Amino acid sequence: MTQIAKQLDQKLSTWRPEVAAQVEQMVSEVIELADTDTLDLLPSKTVVQEVLDTLDES
């Protein structure tokens, strides 16, 4: 098991159930995107924030 997998496994048991469920959903989505080779199509948080900032300025 990789270090990140070990860390995720440890953290999931310490978080509130609803937080753990959200993280599991997000990780599942990332795995699916990686499996379909579409991971690079996700906008970065920086890009999303820039768009939101631009919309706020309008």
Protein backbone atom coordinates (compact mmCIF):
# COMPACT_ATOMS: atom_id res chain seq x y z
CA MET A 1 0.00 0.00 0.00
CA THR A 2 1.34 3.45 -0.86
CA GLN A 3 1.91 6.14 1.73
CA ILE A 4 -1.06 8.17 0.48
CA ALA A 5 -3.31 5.11 0.61
CA LYS A 6 -2.21 4.41 4.18
CA GLN A 7 -2.82 8.02 5.16
CA LEU A 8 -6.27 8.01 3.58
CA ASP A 9 -7.14 4.74 5.30
CA GLN A 10 -6.10 6.16 8.68
CA LYS A 11 -7.88 9.47 8.18
CA LEU A 12 -11.17 7.96 7.01
CA SER A 13 -11.63 6.29 10.37
CA THR A 14 -11.00 9.52 12.29
CA TRP A 15 -13.26 11.89 10.37
CA ARG A 16 -16.96 12.38 10.99
CA PRO A 17 -18.95 9.88 8.91
CA GLU A 18 -20.34 12.55 6.59
CA VAL A 19 -16.86 13.96 5.94
CA ALA A 20 -15.47 10.47 5.29
CA ALA A 21 -18.33 9.80 2.87
CA GLN A 22 -17.61 13.03 0.97
CA VAL A 23 -13.92 12.21 0.73
CA GLU A 24 -14.69 8.69 -0.47
CA GLN A 25 -16.98 10.13 -3.16
CA MET A 26 -14.33 12.61 -4.29
CA VAL A 27 -11.61 9.97 -4.40
CA SER A 28 -13.92 7.67 -6.36
CA GLU A 29 -14.54 10.43 -8.89
CA VAL A 30 -10.80 11.08 -9.26
CA ILE A 31 -10.15 7.36 -9.76
CA GLU A 32 -12.85 7.19 -12.43
CA LEU A 33 -11.41 10.23 -14.21
CA ALA A 34 -7.93 8.73 -14.09
CA ASP A 35 -9.23 5.40 -15.41
CA THR A 36 -10.87 7.12 -18.36
CA ASP A 37 -7.83 9.33 -18.96
CA THR A 38 -9.88 12.50 -18.44
CA LEU A 39 -8.31 13.69 -15.20
CA ASP A 40 -6.59 16.57 -16.97
CA LEU A 41 -9.96 17.97 -18.03
CA LEU A 42 -10.79 19.12 -14.50
CA PRO A 43 -10.18 22.81 -13.94
CA SER A 44 -7.83 23.65 -11.12
CA LYS A 45 -9.10 25.42 -8.01
CA THR A 46 -7.13 28.46 -9.10
CA VAL A 47 -8.92 28.61 -12.44
CA VAL A 48 -12.31 28.15 -10.80
CA GLN A 49 -11.55 30.92 -8.30
CA GLU A 50 -10.41 33.25 -11.08
CA VAL A 51 -13.67 32.69 -12.94
CA LEU A 52 -15.69 33.30 -9.78
CA ASP A 53 -13.72 36.47 -9.06
CA THR A 54 -14.33 37.70 -12.60
CA LEU A 55 -18.04 37.03 -12.28
CA ASP A 56 -18.14 38.89 -8.97
CA GLU A 57 -16.50 41.91 -10.57
CA SER A 58 -19.14 42.07 -13.31
